[in-house]
Amino acid sequence: MFTIDLEEFDLPLEYGISLPSGRMMSVTNKGLSRIYDLLEKHNIRATFFITSGYAEANAGMVRKIAEKHEISSHSHSHTIFHPGDPGKSKNILEEISRQKINGFRMPRMAKTDLNELKQYGYSYDASVNPTLVPFRYNMLSSPRTLFRDKATGLPVVPVSVSPVIRFPLFWLSFKNLPFGIFAFLCKRTLDKDKYLHLYFHSWEFADIRHFRIPFYIRRKDGDQLTNLMERLLLSLKRQGEFIGITEFLQIRKMI
């Protein structure tokens, strides 16, 4: 499962850099163009977690993505969360994409109210990265692989981490590890768990090196990152099939 968080590029705000909303959308769309074309080129199906705020401003693009990929919710705004946003986001995304929205991922992998998700009719949550990310979150106590929440019955699909040491296989690792090590950890995890769940952001594939954000975030951007991603996707395509998260859960008889 290859997943993309499609949101307004609000990351500079965390570092005191103000950007107009139009600029945030422009960066996101430049990166999206690269990764979307790459998926098209190699006929790879993905799950896009989209903020409904982005969808309202880019409805045509969301409908285009929905023709071949799964659409899931990334709340309404990536910057601010209000009670009720998961329900609001689901309604907007369903109207724009003309897809049933099954999945949810909270921005920045923040804690999710699964009771609220169930209330709004979601079928799964993908907001768990079962590892430690310093200064962000500690989810080491969460199950490492797919599980069903006991209280709500909702399936939870954690982002993949390596066996034993739970090394995270997400966007920051891909940017900062040597390619061979990241690819090896993906293969080891796939062999162990029989599935792989990776996540990235569309804006990563834009040219973001000129922003005053930490080097470990802005390195390997643009064409360089896109070319590395192509290598990874082709390697993984030889080892399995790319499917949406809903399809994966249907195969596992979880929904």
C-alpha atoms as a PDB file:
ATOM      1  CA  MET A   1       0.000   0.000   0.000  1.00  0.00           C
ATOM      2  CA  PHE A   2       1.510   3.244  -1.210  1.00  0.00           C
ATOM      3  CA  THR A   3      -0.180   6.220   0.420  1.00  0.00           C
ATOM      4  CA  ILE A   4       0.102   9.939  -0.237  1.00  0.00           C
ATOM      5  CA  ASP A   5      -1.012  12.711   2.102  1.00  0.00           C
ATOM      6  CA  LEU A   6      -2.420  15.419  -0.136  1.00  0.00           C
ATOM      7  CA  GLU A   7      -2.666  18.640   1.834  1.00  0.00           C
ATOM      8  CA  GLU A   8      -1.869  22.327   1.673  1.00  0.00           C
ATOM      9  CA  PHE A   9       1.891  22.886   2.196  1.00  0.00           C
ATOM     10  CA  ASP A  10       1.641  24.341   5.696  1.00  0.00           C
ATOM     11  CA  LEU A  11       4.857  22.833   7.052  1.00  0.00           C
ATOM     12  CA  PRO A  12       6.808  26.151   7.006  1.00  0.00           C
ATOM     13  CA  LEU A  13       4.297  27.548   9.505  1.00  0.00           C
ATOM     14  CA  GLU A  14       5.765  25.195  12.120  1.00  0.00           C
ATOM     15  CA  TYR A  15       9.060  27.058  11.718  1.00  0.00           C
ATOM     16  CA  GLY A  16       7.641  30.575  11.838  1.00  0.00           C
ATOM     17  CA  ILE A  17       7.486  31.070   8.070  1.00  0.00           C
ATOM     18  CA  SER A  18       4.218  32.556   6.860  1.00  0.00           C
ATOM     19  CA  LEU A  19       2.939  31.532   3.433  1.00  0.00           C
ATOM     20  CA  PRO A  20      -0.217  32.712   1.636  1.00  0.00           C
ATOM     21  CA  SER A  21      -2.723  29.931   0.972  1.00  0.00           C
ATOM     22  CA  GLY A  22      -2.168  30.231  -2.770  1.00  0.00           C
ATOM     23  CA  ARG A  23       1.537  29.552  -2.350  1.00  0.00           C
ATOM     24  CA  MET A  24       0.814  26.525  -0.158  1.00  0.00           C
ATOM     25  CA  MET A  25      -1.444  25.079  -2.846  1.00  0.00           C
ATOM     26  CA  SER A  26       1.063  25.833  -5.600  1.00  0.00           C
ATOM     27  CA  VAL A  27       3.870  23.887  -3.890  1.00  0.00           C
ATOM     28  CA  THR A  28       1.534  20.977  -3.188  1.00  0.00           C
ATOM     29  CA  ASN A  29       0.356  20.833  -6.790  1.00  0.00           C
ATOM     30  CA  LYS A  30       3.854  20.963  -8.254  1.00  0.00           C
ATOM     31  CA  GLY A  31       4.843  17.960  -6.177  1.00  0.00           C
ATOM     32  CA  LEU A  32       1.566  16.198  -6.915  1.00  0.00           C
ATOM     33  CA  SER A  33       2.140  16.541 -10.644  1.00  0.00           C
ATOM     34  CA  ARG A  34       5.413  14.616 -10.351  1.00  0.00           C
ATOM     35  CA  ILE A  35       4.158  11.779  -8.159  1.00  0.00           C
ATOM     36  CA  TYR A  36       0.846  11.430 -10.007  1.00  0.00           C
ATOM     37  CA  ASP A  37       2.644  11.133 -13.350  1.00  0.00           C
ATOM     38  CA  LEU A  38       4.981   8.533 -11.860  1.00  0.00           C
ATOM     39  CA  LEU A  39       2.076   6.407 -10.649  1.00  0.00           C
ATOM     40  CA  GLU A  40       0.453   6.725 -14.075  1.00  0.00           C
ATOM     41  CA  LYS A  41       3.652   5.744 -15.852  1.00  0.00           C
ATOM     42  CA  HIS A  42       3.938   2.476 -13.947  1.00  0.00           C
ATOM     43  CA  ASN A  43       0.229   1.757 -13.470  1.00  0.00           C
ATOM     44  CA  ILE A  44       0.474   1.842  -9.669  1.00  0.00           C
ATOM     45  CA  ARG A  45      -2.633   2.217  -7.531  1.00  0.00           C
ATOM     46  CA  ALA A  46      -2.343   4.312  -4.372  1.00  0.00           C
ATOM     47  CA  THR A  47      -4.462   5.656  -1.538  1.00  0.00           C
ATOM     48  CA  PHE A  48      -4.585   9.463  -1.296  1.00  0.00           C
ATOM     49  CA  PHE A  49      -5.428  10.949   2.104  1.00  0.00           C
ATOM     50  CA  ILE A  50      -6.791  14.364   1.131  1.00  0.00           C
ATOM     51  CA  THR A  51      -7.812  17.337   3.243  1.00  0.00           C
ATOM     52  CA  SER A  52     -11.264  18.470   2.192  1.00  0.00           C
ATOM     53  CA  GLY A  53      -9.966  22.044   2.211  1.00  0.00           C
ATOM     54  CA  TYR A  54      -7.533  21.064  -0.533  1.00  0.00           C
ATOM     55  CA  ALA A  55     -10.305  19.215  -2.366  1.00  0.00           C
ATOM     56  CA  GLU A  56     -12.593  22.246  -2.367  1.00  0.00           C
ATOM     57  CA  ALA A  57      -9.848  24.331  -3.979  1.00  0.00           C
ATOM     58  CA  ASN A  58      -8.809  21.610  -6.453  1.00  0.00           C
ATOM     59  CA  ALA A  59     -11.968  19.654  -7.179  1.00  0.00           C
ATOM     60  CA  GLY A  60     -11.013  18.795 -10.754  1.00  0.00           C
ATOM     61  CA  MET A  61      -7.717  17.266  -9.682  1.00  0.00           C
ATOM     62  CA  VAL A  62      -9.366  15.237  -6.929  1.00  0.00           C
ATOM     63  CA  ARG A  63     -11.880  13.810  -9.400  1.00  0.00           C
ATOM     64  CA  LYS A  64      -9.005  12.931 -11.730  1.00  0.00           C
ATOM     65  CA  ILE A  65      -7.176  11.106  -8.938  1.00  0.00           C
ATOM     66  CA  ALA A  66     -10.378   9.286  -7.958  1.00  0.00           C
ATOM     67  CA  GLU A  67     -10.632   7.706 -11.410  1.00  0.00           C
ATOM     68  CA  LYS A  68      -7.762   5.322 -10.573  1.00  0.00           C
ATOM     69  CA  HIS A  69      -6.937   5.658  -6.881  1.00  0.00           C
ATOM     70  CA  GLU A  70      -8.588   5.327  -3.501  1.00  0.00           C
ATOM     71  CA  ILE A  71      -9.587   8.592  -1.847  1.00  0.00           C
ATOM     72  CA  SER A  72      -9.494   8.820   1.957  1.00  0.00           C
ATOM     73  CA  SER A  73      -9.830  11.684   4.418  1.00  0.00           C
ATOM     74  CA  HIS A  74      -7.012  13.716   5.932  1.00  0.00           C
ATOM     75  CA  SER A  75      -9.491  15.846   7.911  1.00  0.00           C
ATOM     76  CA  HIS A  76     -10.631  19.270   6.670  1.00  0.00           C
ATOM     77  CA  SER A  77      -7.529  21.374   7.317  1.00  0.00           C
ATOM     78  CA  HIS A  78      -3.961  20.268   7.909  1.00  0.00           C
ATOM     79  CA  THR A  79      -3.270  23.303  10.090  1.00  0.00           C
ATOM     80  CA  ILE A  80      -6.248  23.505  12.452  1.00  0.00           C
ATOM     81  CA  PHE A  81      -8.505  20.735  13.781  1.00  0.00           C
ATOM     82  CA  HIS A  82     -12.062  21.288  15.010  1.00  0.00           C
ATOM     83  CA  PRO A  83     -14.475  18.737  16.491  1.00  0.00           C
ATOM     84  CA  GLY A  84     -16.607  17.416  13.679  1.00  0.00           C
ATOM     85  CA  ASP A  85     -13.941  17.889  11.008  1.00  0.00           C
ATOM     86  CA  PRO A  86     -13.764  14.143  10.160  1.00  0.00           C
ATOM     87  CA  GLY A  87     -17.484  14.149   9.360  1.00  0.00           C
ATOM     88  CA  LYS A  88     -17.281  17.418   7.431  1.00  0.00           C
ATOM     89  CA  SER A  89     -14.301  16.152   5.463  1.00  0.00           C
ATOM     90  CA  LYS A  90     -15.995  12.854   4.606  1.00  0.00           C
ATOM     91  CA  ASN A  91     -19.076  14.591   3.238  1.00  0.00           C
ATOM     92  CA  ILE A  92     -17.092  17.049   1.118  1.00  0.00           C
ATOM     93  CA  LEU A  93     -14.741  14.396  -0.267  1.00  0.00           C
ATOM     94  CA  GLU A  94     -17.580  12.047  -1.147  1.00  0.00           C
ATOM     95  CA  GLU A  95     -19.392  14.809  -3.009  1.00  0.00           C
ATOM     96  CA  ILE A  96     -16.299  15.880  -4.946  1.00  0.00           C
ATOM     97  CA  SER A  97     -14.702  12.485  -5.639  1.00  0.00           C
ATOM     98  CA  ARG A  98     -17.959  10.550  -6.080  1.00  0.00           C
ATOM     99  CA  GLN A  99     -16.334   7.778  -4.052  1.00  0.00           C
ATOM    100  CA  LYS A 100     -17.370   6.298  -0.723  1.00  0.00           C
ATOM    101  CA  ILE A 101     -14.761   7.502   1.770  1.00  0.00           C
ATOM    102  CA  ASN A 102     -13.709   4.620   4.010  1.00  0.00           C
ATOM    103  CA  GLY A 103     -10.438   5.712   5.574  1.00  0.00           C
ATOM    104  CA  PHE A 104      -9.099   8.478   7.780  1.00  0.00           C
ATOM    105  CA  ARG A 105      -5.632   9.707   8.693  1.00  0.00           C
ATOM    106  CA  MET A 106      -5.235  12.478  11.231  1.00  0.00           C
ATOM    107  CA  PRO A 107      -2.830  15.260  10.191  1.00  0.00           C
ATOM    108  CA  ARG A 108       0.625  14.800  11.724  1.00  0.00           C
ATOM    109  CA  MET A 109      -0.440  11.357  12.976  1.00  0.00           C
ATOM    110  CA  ALA A 110      -2.081  12.999  15.990  1.00  0.00           C
ATOM    111  CA  LYS A 111      -4.312  11.006  18.318  1.00  0.00           C
ATOM    112  CA  THR A 112      -7.587  10.022  16.673  1.00  0.00           C
ATOM    113  CA  ASP A 113     -10.992   9.574  18.295  1.00  0.00           C
ATOM    114  CA  LEU A 114     -12.057   6.214  16.876  1.00  0.00           C
ATOM    115  CA  ASN A 115     -15.529   6.556  18.357  1.00  0.00           C
ATOM    116  CA  GLU A 116     -15.971   9.718  16.309  1.00  0.00           C
ATOM    117  CA  LEU A 117     -14.723   7.994  13.163  1.00  0.00           C
ATOM    118  CA  LYS A 118     -17.197   5.161  13.678  1.00  0.00           C
ATOM    119  CA  GLN A 119     -19.990   7.648  14.280  1.00  0.00           C
ATOM    120  CA  TYR A 120     -19.309   9.296  10.923  1.00  0.00           C
ATOM    121  CA  GLY A 121     -19.221   5.994   9.059  1.00  0.00           C
ATOM    122  CA  TYR A 122     -15.516   5.442   8.491  1.00  0.00           C
ATOM    123  CA  SER A 123     -14.360   1.855   7.951  1.00  0.00           C
ATOM    124  CA  TYR A 124     -10.723   2.180   9.050  1.00  0.00           C
ATOM    125  CA  ASP A 125      -8.096   4.435  10.592  1.00  0.00           C
ATOM    126  CA  ALA A 126      -4.525   4.888   9.308  1.00  0.00           C
ATOM    127  CA  SER A 127      -3.251   7.409  11.867  1.00  0.00           C
ATOM    128  CA  VAL A 128      -0.791   5.162  13.721  1.00  0.00           C
ATOM    129  CA  ASN A 129       2.953   5.130  13.110  1.00  0.00           C
ATOM    130  CA  PRO A 130       3.992   2.532  15.725  1.00  0.00           C
ATOM    131  CA  THR A 131       7.406   3.968  16.490  1.00  0.00           C
ATOM    132  CA  LEU A 132       9.100   6.891  18.244  1.00  0.00           C
ATOM    133  CA  VAL A 133       9.500  10.140  16.308  1.00  0.00           C
ATOM    134  CA  PRO A 134      11.354  12.536  18.661  1.00  0.00           C
ATOM    135  CA  PHE A 135       9.522  15.779  19.469  1.00  0.00           C
ATOM    136  CA  ARG A 136       6.444  14.515  17.567  1.00  0.00           C
ATOM    137  CA  TYR A 137       4.927  11.344  19.026  1.00  0.00           C
ATOM    138  CA  ASN A 138       5.678   8.040  20.772  1.00  0.00           C
ATOM    139  CA  MET A 139       3.530   5.132  19.568  1.00  0.00           C
ATOM    140  CA  LEU A 140       5.812   2.307  20.657  1.00  0.00           C
ATOM    141  CA  SER A 141       3.014   0.854  22.783  1.00  0.00           C
ATOM    142  CA  SER A 142       0.732   0.460  19.744  1.00  0.00           C
ATOM    143  CA  PRO A 143       0.550  -2.844  17.853  1.00  0.00           C
ATOM    144  CA  ARG A 144       3.125  -2.966  15.079  1.00  0.00           C
ATOM    145  CA  THR A 145       0.822  -4.456  12.444  1.00  0.00           C
ATOM    146  CA  LEU A 146      -2.827  -4.454  11.384  1.00  0.00           C
ATOM    147  CA  PHE A 147      -5.282  -4.780  14.297  1.00  0.00           C
ATOM    148  CA  ARG A 148      -8.908  -4.225  15.202  1.00  0.00           C
ATOM    149  CA  ASP A 149      -9.647  -1.696  17.924  1.00  0.00           C
ATOM    150  CA  LYS A 150     -11.369  -3.541  20.756  1.00  0.00           C
ATOM    151  CA  ALA A 151     -13.642  -0.689  21.810  1.00  0.00           C
ATOM    152  CA  THR A 152     -15.020   0.290  18.390  1.00  0.00           C
ATOM    153  CA  GLY A 153     -14.264  -2.704  16.188  1.00  0.00           C
ATOM    154  CA  LEU A 154     -12.616  -0.430  13.635  1.00  0.00           C
ATOM    155  CA  PRO A 155      -9.600  -1.820  11.774  1.00  0.00           C
ATOM    156  CA  VAL A 156      -6.415   0.217  12.329  1.00  0.00           C
ATOM    157  CA  VAL A 157      -3.750   0.012   9.627  1.00  0.00           C
ATOM    158  CA  PRO A 158      -0.439   1.220  11.091  1.00  0.00           C
ATOM    159  CA  VAL A 159       2.260   2.588   8.838  1.00  0.00           C
ATOM    160  CA  SER A 160       4.942  -0.046   8.353  1.00  0.00           C
ATOM    161  CA  VAL A 161       7.944  -0.194  10.642  1.00  0.00           C
ATOM    162  CA  SER A 162      10.674  -2.799  10.558  1.00  0.00           C
ATOM    163  CA  PRO A 163      10.384  -5.937  12.682  1.00  0.00           C
ATOM    164  CA  VAL A 164      11.959  -5.961  16.160  1.00  0.00           C
ATOM    165  CA  ILE A 165      13.447  -2.445  16.348  1.00  0.00           C
ATOM    166  CA  ARG A 166      10.457  -0.705  14.728  1.00  0.00           C
ATOM    167  CA  PHE A 167      12.509   1.491  12.434  1.00  0.00           C
ATOM    168  CA  PRO A 168       9.991   3.756  10.655  1.00  0.00           C
ATOM    169  CA  LEU A 169       9.552   3.261   6.917  1.00  0.00           C
ATOM    170  CA  PHE A 170       8.103   6.639   6.090  1.00  0.00           C
ATOM    171  CA  TRP A 171       8.955   9.779   4.176  1.00  0.00           C
ATOM    172  CA  LEU A 172      11.700  11.116   6.464  1.00  0.00           C
ATOM    173  CA  SER A 173      13.515   7.776   6.451  1.00  0.00           C
ATOM    174  CA  PHE A 174      13.372   7.622   2.670  1.00  0.00           C
ATOM    175  CA  LYS A 175      14.843  11.106   2.386  1.00  0.00           C
ATOM    176  CA  ASN A 176      17.689  10.518   4.810  1.00  0.00           C
ATOM    177  CA  LEU A 177      18.699   6.860   4.594  1.00  0.00           C
ATOM    178  CA  PRO A 178      20.846   5.500   1.778  1.00  0.00           C
ATOM    179  CA  PHE A 179      18.493   4.052  -0.816  1.00  0.00           C
ATOM    180  CA  GLY A 180      19.808   0.507  -0.470  1.00  0.00           C
ATOM    181  CA  ILE A 181      19.188   0.405   3.283  1.00  0.00           C
ATOM    182  CA  PHE A 182      15.637   1.716   2.963  1.00  0.00           C
ATOM    183  CA  ALA A 183      14.845  -0.772   0.180  1.00  0.00           C
ATOM    184  CA  PHE A 184      16.321  -3.619   2.252  1.00  0.00           C
ATOM    185  CA  LEU A 185      14.185  -2.709   5.273  1.00  0.00           C
ATOM    186  CA  CYS A 186      11.092  -2.572   3.066  1.00  0.00           C
ATOM    187  CA  LYS A 187      11.802  -6.046   1.699  1.00  0.00           C
ATOM    188  CA  ARG A 188      12.486  -7.457   5.161  1.00  0.00           C
ATOM    189  CA  THR A 189       9.243  -5.991   6.487  1.00  0.00           C
ATOM    190  CA  LEU A 190       7.266  -7.236   3.485  1.00  0.00           C
ATOM    191  CA  ASP A 191       8.699 -10.738   3.934  1.00  0.00           C
ATOM    192  CA  LYS A 192       7.812 -10.733   7.632  1.00  0.00           C
ATOM    193  CA  ASP A 193       4.369  -9.100   7.576  1.00  0.00           C
ATOM    194  CA  LYS A 194       3.223 -10.107   4.060  1.00  0.00           C
ATOM    195  CA  TYR A 195       2.273  -6.493   3.383  1.00  0.00           C
ATOM    196  CA  LEU A 196       3.858  -3.046   3.357  1.00  0.00           C
ATOM    197  CA  HIS A 197       2.237   0.304   4.175  1.00  0.00           C
ATOM    198  CA  LEU A 198       4.282   3.354   3.184  1.00  0.00           C
ATOM    199  CA  TYR A 199       3.363   7.024   3.368  1.00  0.00           C
ATOM    200  CA  PHE A 200       4.658  10.220   1.787  1.00  0.00           C
ATOM    201  CA  HIS A 201       3.419  13.760   1.022  1.00  0.00           C
ATOM    202  CA  SER A 202       2.802  15.267  -2.385  1.00  0.00           C
ATOM    203  CA  TRP A 203       4.706  18.470  -1.515  1.00  0.00           C
ATOM    204  CA  GLU A 204       7.928  16.513  -0.923  1.00  0.00           C
ATOM    205  CA  PHE A 205       8.267  16.074  -4.678  1.00  0.00           C
ATOM    206  CA  ALA A 206       8.204  19.819  -5.310  1.00  0.00           C
ATOM    207  CA  ASP A 207      11.369  21.960  -5.237  1.00  0.00           C
ATOM    208  CA  ILE A 208      11.435  22.930  -1.556  1.00  0.00           C
ATOM    209  CA  ARG A 209      15.150  23.402  -0.841  1.00  0.00           C
ATOM    210  CA  HIS A 210      14.876  27.186  -0.771  1.00  0.00           C
ATOM    211  CA  PHE A 211      12.481  27.165   2.193  1.00  0.00           C
ATOM    212  CA  ARG A 212      14.055  27.824   5.598  1.00  0.00           C
ATOM    213  CA  ILE A 213      13.043  24.481   7.045  1.00  0.00           C
ATOM    214  CA  PRO A 214      15.330  21.803   8.539  1.00  0.00           C
ATOM    215  CA  PHE A 215      17.769  20.228   6.104  1.00  0.00           C
ATOM    216  CA  TYR A 216      16.577  16.705   6.858  1.00  0.00           C
ATOM    217  CA  ILE A 217      13.121  17.693   5.543  1.00  0.00           C
ATOM    218  CA  ARG A 218      14.116  19.575   2.389  1.00  0.00           C
ATOM    219  CA  ARG A 219      16.939  17.344   1.125  1.00  0.00           C
ATOM    220  CA  LYS A 220      16.238  15.069  -1.837  1.00  0.00           C
ATOM    221  CA  ASP A 221      13.345  17.035  -3.248  1.00  0.00           C
ATOM    222  CA  GLY A 222      11.973  17.563  -6.748  1.00  0.00           C
ATOM    223  CA  ASP A 223      13.302  15.443  -9.600  1.00  0.00           C
ATOM    224  CA  GLN A 224      15.948  13.800  -7.406  1.00  0.00           C
ATOM    225  CA  LEU A 225      13.336  12.458  -4.997  1.00  0.00           C
ATOM    226  CA  THR A 226      11.019  11.487  -7.849  1.00  0.00           C
ATOM    227  CA  ASN A 227      13.777   9.462  -9.523  1.00  0.00           C
ATOM    228  CA  LEU A 228      14.568   7.680  -6.259  1.00  0.00           C
ATOM    229  CA  MET A 229      10.888   6.952  -5.747  1.00  0.00           C
ATOM    230  CA  GLU A 230      10.705   5.429  -9.203  1.00  0.00           C
ATOM    231  CA  ARG A 231      13.537   3.066  -8.252  1.00  0.00           C
ATOM    232  CA  LEU A 232      11.717   2.078  -5.066  1.00  0.00           C
ATOM    233  CA  LEU A 233       8.352   1.533  -6.726  1.00  0.00           C
ATOM    234  CA  LEU A 234       9.847  -0.590  -9.485  1.00  0.00           C
ATOM    235  CA  SER A 235      11.710  -2.674  -6.910  1.00  0.00           C
ATOM    236  CA  LEU A 236       8.554  -3.215  -4.856  1.00  0.00           C
ATOM    237  CA  LYS A 237       6.468  -3.954  -7.935  1.00  0.00           C
ATOM    238  CA  ARG A 238       8.624  -7.025  -8.515  1.00  0.00           C
ATOM    239  CA  GLN A 239       7.771  -8.257  -5.017  1.00  0.00           C
ATOM    240  CA  GLY A 240       4.018  -7.733  -4.857  1.00  0.00           C
ATOM    241  CA  GLU A 241       0.934  -5.884  -6.068  1.00  0.00           C
ATOM    242  CA  PHE A 242       0.015  -2.281  -5.248  1.00  0.00           C
ATOM    243  CA  ILE A 243      -3.550  -1.990  -3.947  1.00  0.00           C
ATOM    244  CA  GLY A 244      -5.642   0.497  -1.983  1.00  0.00           C
ATOM    245  CA  ILE A 245      -6.074   0.130   1.750  1.00  0.00           C
ATOM    246  CA  THR A 246      -9.782  -0.701   1.405  1.00  0.00           C
ATOM    247  CA  GLU A 247      -8.915  -3.537  -0.993  1.00  0.00           C
ATOM    248  CA  PHE A 248      -6.290  -4.815   1.428  1.00  0.00           C
ATOM    249  CA  LEU A 249      -8.794  -4.878   4.295  1.00  0.00           C
ATOM    250  CA  GLN A 250     -11.357  -6.640   2.129  1.00  0.00           C
ATOM    251  CA  ILE A 251      -8.798  -9.318   1.283  1.00  0.00           C
ATOM    252  CA  ARG A 252      -8.054  -9.703   5.006  1.00  0.00           C
ATOM    253  CA  LYS A 253     -11.832  -9.862   5.661  1.00  0.00           C
ATOM    254  CA  MET A 254     -11.566  -6.905   8.057  1.00  0.00           C
ATOM    255  CA  ILE A 255     -14.335  -4.903   6.347  1.00  0.00           C
END
